[in-house]
Amino acid sequence: GHPPVRSLHSLKDLDGVWNSDCGPMAISAGQVRDCHGEFAPLSLSTDGQLELQFAGTLWRSHFVDPDHIHWEGDGGMWLRAGLPTSAFETEKAGRPAEEHPREP
């Protein structure tokens, strides 16, 4: 099956600093602020989809947990700042095979 996705209960769960392809993004009180100081509104739709209206474009994400936001299309992945990147790399590559299988 699929790995369990930790669900998001409110936008408050996303407050903090995130690393994106476009540099650090700060999320606070339902607003995203980029490194240029531009603000954009963030909203959570009734079906749990995250929506970000930025520079005339609507970005959507169905895959959100408290540490990752995976935007559809060219939006890329946002990763909560301060997470060990090795964990993220491991997750991206899928579950690693055990290097040393345990002897029975």
N, C-alpha and C. Protein backbone atom coordinates (compact mmCIF):
# COMPACT_ATOMS: atom_id res chain seq x y z
N GLY A 1 0.81 -1.21 0.00
CA GLY A 1 0.00 0.00 0.00
C GLY A 1 0.84 1.26 0.00
N HIS A 2 0.19 2.38 0.17
CA HIS A 2 0.90 3.66 0.18
C HIS A 2 1.40 3.97 1.58
N PRO A 3 2.49 4.71 1.69
CA PRO A 3 2.91 5.14 3.03
C PRO A 3 1.85 6.07 3.59
N PRO A 4 1.61 6.01 4.90
CA PRO A 4 0.57 6.88 5.47
C PRO A 4 0.98 8.33 5.35
N VAL A 5 0.04 9.17 4.94
CA VAL A 5 0.31 10.60 4.85
C VAL A 5 -0.27 11.23 6.11
N ARG A 6 0.56 11.95 6.84
CA ARG A 6 0.04 12.64 8.02
C ARG A 6 -0.82 13.77 7.54
N SER A 7 -2.06 13.77 7.96
CA SER A 7 -2.96 14.78 7.39
C SER A 7 -2.77 16.11 8.09
N LEU A 8 -3.26 17.10 7.42
CA LEU A 8 -3.14 18.47 7.87
C LEU A 8 -4.46 18.85 8.50
N HIS A 9 -4.43 19.41 9.69
CA HIS A 9 -5.68 19.77 10.34
C HIS A 9 -6.05 21.22 10.08
N SER A 10 -5.05 22.08 10.01
CA SER A 10 -5.31 23.48 9.70
C SER A 10 -4.06 24.10 9.12
N LEU A 11 -4.23 25.29 8.57
CA LEU A 11 -3.09 26.00 8.00
C LEU A 11 -2.04 26.30 9.07
N LYS A 12 -2.48 26.33 10.32
CA LYS A 12 -1.55 26.61 11.42
C LYS A 12 -0.43 25.56 11.46
N ASP A 13 -0.75 24.32 11.05
CA ASP A 13 0.26 23.25 11.04
C ASP A 13 1.43 23.59 10.13
N LEU A 14 1.23 24.51 9.19
CA LEU A 14 2.27 24.83 8.20
C LEU A 14 3.13 26.03 8.60
N ASP A 15 2.76 26.70 9.69
CA ASP A 15 3.52 27.89 10.08
C ASP A 15 5.00 27.57 10.24
N GLY A 16 5.85 28.46 9.71
CA GLY A 16 7.28 28.25 9.84
C GLY A 16 8.00 28.60 8.55
N VAL A 17 9.24 28.20 8.46
CA VAL A 17 10.05 28.51 7.28
C VAL A 17 10.22 27.25 6.45
N TRP A 18 10.09 27.40 5.15
CA TRP A 18 10.17 26.28 4.22
C TRP A 18 11.25 26.55 3.18
N ASN A 19 11.92 25.49 2.75
CA ASN A 19 12.87 25.61 1.65
C ASN A 19 12.18 25.22 0.36
N SER A 20 12.25 26.09 -0.65
CA SER A 20 11.64 25.80 -1.94
C SER A 20 12.68 25.98 -3.03
N ASP A 21 12.30 25.64 -4.27
CA ASP A 21 13.18 25.85 -5.42
C ASP A 21 13.52 27.33 -5.59
N CYS A 22 12.65 28.19 -5.05
CA CYS A 22 12.84 29.64 -5.23
C CYS A 22 13.40 30.29 -3.97
N GLY A 23 14.00 29.50 -3.10
CA GLY A 23 14.55 30.06 -1.87
C GLY A 23 13.60 29.87 -0.70
N PRO A 24 13.94 30.45 0.45
CA PRO A 24 13.12 30.24 1.64
C PRO A 24 11.77 30.92 1.54
N MET A 25 10.76 30.25 2.05
CA MET A 25 9.40 30.80 2.11
C MET A 25 8.96 30.75 3.57
N ALA A 26 8.35 31.83 4.04
CA ALA A 26 7.84 31.85 5.41
C ALA A 26 6.33 31.76 5.36
N ILE A 27 5.77 30.85 6.14
CA ILE A 27 4.31 30.71 6.20
C ILE A 27 3.87 31.13 7.60
N SER A 28 2.91 32.03 7.64
CA SER A 28 2.38 32.48 8.92
C SER A 28 0.96 32.99 8.73
N ALA A 29 0.07 32.51 9.58
CA ALA A 29 -1.32 32.99 9.59
C ALA A 29 -1.96 32.96 8.20
N GLY A 30 -1.74 31.86 7.48
CA GLY A 30 -2.39 31.69 6.19
C GLY A 30 -1.80 32.55 5.08
N GLN A 31 -0.58 33.06 5.29
CA GLN A 31 0.08 33.86 4.26
C GLN A 31 1.47 33.28 4.00
N VAL A 32 1.87 33.30 2.74
CA VAL A 32 3.23 32.91 2.38
C VAL A 32 4.00 34.19 2.06
N ARG A 33 5.20 34.31 2.60
CA ARG A 33 6.05 35.44 2.25
C ARG A 33 7.33 34.89 1.64
N ASP A 34 7.68 35.35 0.43
CA ASP A 34 8.90 34.85 -0.20
C ASP A 34 10.09 35.72 0.20
N CYS A 35 11.27 35.38 -0.31
CA CYS A 35 12.49 36.07 0.12
C CYS A 35 12.53 37.52 -0.37
N HIS A 36 11.62 37.91 -1.27
CA HIS A 36 11.56 39.30 -1.75
C HIS A 36 10.55 40.11 -0.94
N GLY A 37 9.92 39.45 0.03
CA GLY A 37 8.94 40.16 0.84
C GLY A 37 7.56 40.20 0.24
N GLU A 38 7.34 39.44 -0.85
CA GLU A 38 6.00 39.38 -1.46
C GLU A 38 5.11 38.45 -0.64
N PHE A 39 3.86 38.87 -0.47
CA PHE A 39 2.90 38.04 0.27
C PHE A 39 1.93 37.36 -0.69
N ALA A 40 1.49 36.17 -0.33
CA ALA A 40 0.47 35.48 -1.12
C ALA A 40 -0.43 34.70 -0.17
N PRO A 41 -1.74 34.70 -0.44
CA PRO A 41 -2.67 33.99 0.44
C PRO A 41 -2.64 32.47 0.20
N LEU A 42 -2.69 31.75 1.29
CA LEU A 42 -2.70 30.28 1.26
C LEU A 42 -4.05 29.85 1.80
N SER A 43 -4.69 28.86 1.19
CA SER A 43 -5.97 28.41 1.73
C SER A 43 -6.08 26.90 1.64
N LEU A 44 -6.94 26.38 2.50
CA LEU A 44 -7.17 24.95 2.55
C LEU A 44 -8.60 24.73 2.09
N SER A 45 -8.78 23.99 0.97
CA SER A 45 -10.14 23.79 0.46
C SER A 45 -10.85 22.73 1.29
N THR A 46 -12.15 22.59 1.07
CA THR A 46 -12.94 21.67 1.87
C THR A 46 -12.48 20.23 1.72
N ASP A 47 -11.92 19.88 0.55
CA ASP A 47 -11.47 18.49 0.37
C ASP A 47 -10.01 18.30 0.80
N GLY A 48 -9.48 19.28 1.55
CA GLY A 48 -8.14 19.11 2.09
C GLY A 48 -7.02 19.46 1.13
N GLN A 49 -7.37 20.14 0.05
CA GLN A 49 -6.35 20.52 -0.91
C GLN A 49 -5.80 21.89 -0.55
N LEU A 50 -4.49 22.02 -0.61
CA LEU A 50 -3.85 23.30 -0.31
C LEU A 50 -3.81 24.13 -1.58
N GLU A 51 -4.13 25.41 -1.48
CA GLU A 51 -4.13 26.29 -2.64
C GLU A 51 -3.35 27.55 -2.33
N LEU A 52 -2.50 27.95 -3.27
CA LEU A 52 -1.70 29.16 -3.11
C LEU A 52 -1.87 30.01 -4.35
N GLN A 53 -2.35 31.22 -4.13
CA GLN A 53 -2.54 32.16 -5.25
C GLN A 53 -1.32 33.06 -5.28
N PHE A 54 -0.47 32.89 -6.30
CA PHE A 54 0.79 33.63 -6.33
C PHE A 54 1.03 34.18 -7.71
N ALA A 55 1.21 35.49 -7.81
CA ALA A 55 1.51 36.15 -9.09
C ALA A 55 0.55 35.73 -10.20
N GLY A 56 -0.75 35.67 -9.86
CA GLY A 56 -1.75 35.35 -10.87
C GLY A 56 -1.88 33.88 -11.20
N THR A 57 -1.12 33.05 -10.52
CA THR A 57 -1.19 31.60 -10.76
C THR A 57 -1.75 30.92 -9.52
N LEU A 58 -2.59 29.91 -9.74
CA LEU A 58 -3.10 29.13 -8.61
C LEU A 58 -2.33 27.82 -8.54
N TRP A 59 -1.59 27.63 -7.45
CA TRP A 59 -0.88 26.36 -7.24
C TRP A 59 -1.71 25.50 -6.31
N ARG A 60 -1.73 24.22 -6.60
CA ARG A 60 -2.49 23.29 -5.76
C ARG A 60 -1.60 22.16 -5.29
N SER A 61 -1.95 21.63 -4.14
CA SER A 61 -1.25 20.47 -3.63
C SER A 61 -2.22 19.54 -2.93
N HIS A 62 -2.22 18.27 -3.35
CA HIS A 62 -3.00 17.25 -2.65
C HIS A 62 -2.13 16.54 -1.64
N PHE A 63 -0.80 16.57 -1.86
CA PHE A 63 0.09 15.87 -0.96
C PHE A 63 0.74 16.87 -0.02
N VAL A 64 0.21 16.93 1.19
CA VAL A 64 0.73 17.87 2.18
C VAL A 64 0.81 17.12 3.50
N ASP A 65 1.92 17.25 4.18
CA ASP A 65 1.96 16.84 5.57
C ASP A 65 2.70 17.95 6.32
N PRO A 66 2.85 17.85 7.63
CA PRO A 66 3.44 18.99 8.34
C PRO A 66 4.87 19.33 7.93
N ASP A 67 5.55 18.47 7.17
CA ASP A 67 6.93 18.76 6.79
C ASP A 67 7.19 18.84 5.29
N HIS A 68 6.19 18.51 4.47
CA HIS A 68 6.37 18.53 3.01
C HIS A 68 5.15 19.13 2.34
N ILE A 69 5.37 19.90 1.30
CA ILE A 69 4.27 20.33 0.43
C ILE A 69 4.72 20.01 -0.99
N HIS A 70 3.98 19.14 -1.65
CA HIS A 70 4.35 18.75 -3.01
C HIS A 70 3.36 19.40 -3.97
N TRP A 71 3.77 20.48 -4.62
CA TRP A 71 2.87 21.22 -5.52
C TRP A 71 2.72 20.50 -6.85
N GLU A 72 1.51 20.57 -7.41
CA GLU A 72 1.27 19.99 -8.73
C GLU A 72 1.97 20.81 -9.80
N GLY A 73 2.16 20.20 -10.97
CA GLY A 73 2.76 20.93 -12.09
C GLY A 73 4.22 21.24 -11.82
N ASP A 74 4.61 22.49 -12.07
CA ASP A 74 6.01 22.89 -11.92
C ASP A 74 6.30 23.46 -10.54
N GLY A 75 5.38 23.27 -9.62
CA GLY A 75 5.54 23.91 -8.30
C GLY A 75 6.65 23.32 -7.47
N GLY A 76 7.03 22.07 -7.75
CA GLY A 76 8.11 21.46 -7.00
C GLY A 76 7.70 21.07 -5.59
N MET A 77 8.70 20.79 -4.78
CA MET A 77 8.49 20.31 -3.42
C MET A 77 9.01 21.35 -2.44
N TRP A 78 8.21 21.68 -1.44
CA TRP A 78 8.69 22.52 -0.34
C TRP A 78 8.97 21.60 0.84
N LEU A 79 10.05 21.87 1.50
CA LEU A 79 10.49 21.04 2.61
C LEU A 79 10.69 21.94 3.82
N ARG A 80 10.15 21.53 4.96
CA ARG A 80 10.29 22.36 6.16
C ARG A 80 11.77 22.56 6.49
N ALA A 81 12.17 23.80 6.70
CA ALA A 81 13.56 24.10 7.01
C ALA A 81 13.96 23.41 8.32
N GLY A 82 15.19 22.92 8.35
CA GLY A 82 15.67 22.28 9.57
C GLY A 82 15.50 20.77 9.57
N LEU A 83 14.83 20.23 8.55
CA LEU A 83 14.75 18.77 8.45
C LEU A 83 16.08 18.24 7.92
N PRO A 84 16.49 17.07 8.39
CA PRO A 84 17.71 16.48 7.80
C PRO A 84 17.45 16.12 6.34
N THR A 85 18.30 16.57 5.43
CA THR A 85 18.05 16.33 4.02
C THR A 85 18.19 14.85 3.68
N SER A 86 19.00 14.14 4.45
CA SER A 86 19.17 12.71 4.16
C SER A 86 17.84 11.97 4.25
N ALA A 87 17.01 12.35 5.21
CA ALA A 87 15.70 11.70 5.35
C ALA A 87 14.86 11.97 4.12
N PHE A 88 14.96 13.20 3.60
CA PHE A 88 14.20 13.57 2.42
C PHE A 88 14.69 12.79 1.21
N GLU A 89 16.01 12.69 1.04
CA GLU A 89 16.57 11.93 -0.09
C GLU A 89 16.11 10.48 -0.02
N THR A 90 16.16 9.91 1.18
CA THR A 90 15.74 8.52 1.36
C THR A 90 14.29 8.33 0.94
N GLU A 91 13.46 9.29 1.36
CA GLU A 91 12.05 9.19 1.05
C GLU A 91 11.81 9.28 -0.45
N LYS A 92 12.58 10.17 -1.10
CA LYS A 92 12.41 10.38 -2.54
C LYS A 92 12.78 9.12 -3.31
N ALA A 93 13.83 8.44 -2.83
CA ALA A 93 14.32 7.26 -3.53
C ALA A 93 13.46 6.03 -3.23
N GLY A 94 12.47 6.20 -2.37
CA GLY A 94 11.67 5.05 -1.99
C GLY A 94 12.30 4.39 -0.78
N ARG A 95 11.68 3.34 -0.30
CA ARG A 95 12.18 2.69 0.89
C ARG A 95 13.51 2.01 0.59
N PRO A 96 14.55 2.32 1.37
CA PRO A 96 15.84 1.69 1.07
C PRO A 96 15.83 0.21 1.44
N ALA A 97 16.47 -0.58 0.63
CA ALA A 97 16.58 -2.00 0.97
C ALA A 97 17.56 -2.12 2.12
N GLU A 98 17.30 -3.06 3.01
CA GLU A 98 18.23 -3.23 4.14
C GLU A 98 19.57 -3.70 3.62
N GLU A 99 20.62 -3.01 4.04
CA GLU A 99 21.93 -3.37 3.53
C GLU A 99 22.36 -4.73 4.04
N HIS A 100 22.09 -4.97 5.33
CA HIS A 100 22.49 -6.26 5.90
C HIS A 100 21.24 -6.98 6.37
N PRO A 101 20.72 -7.88 5.55
CA PRO A 101 19.53 -8.62 6.00
C PRO A 101 19.87 -9.36 7.28
N ARG A 102 18.93 -9.34 8.22
CA ARG A 102 19.18 -10.00 9.50
C ARG A 102 19.20 -11.51 9.33
N GLU A 103 20.16 -12.12 9.97
CA GLU A 103 20.22 -13.60 9.92
C GLU A 103 19.06 -14.14 10.74
N PRO A 104 18.43 -15.20 10.22
CA PRO A 104 17.30 -15.79 11.01
C PRO A 104 17.80 -16.40 12.31
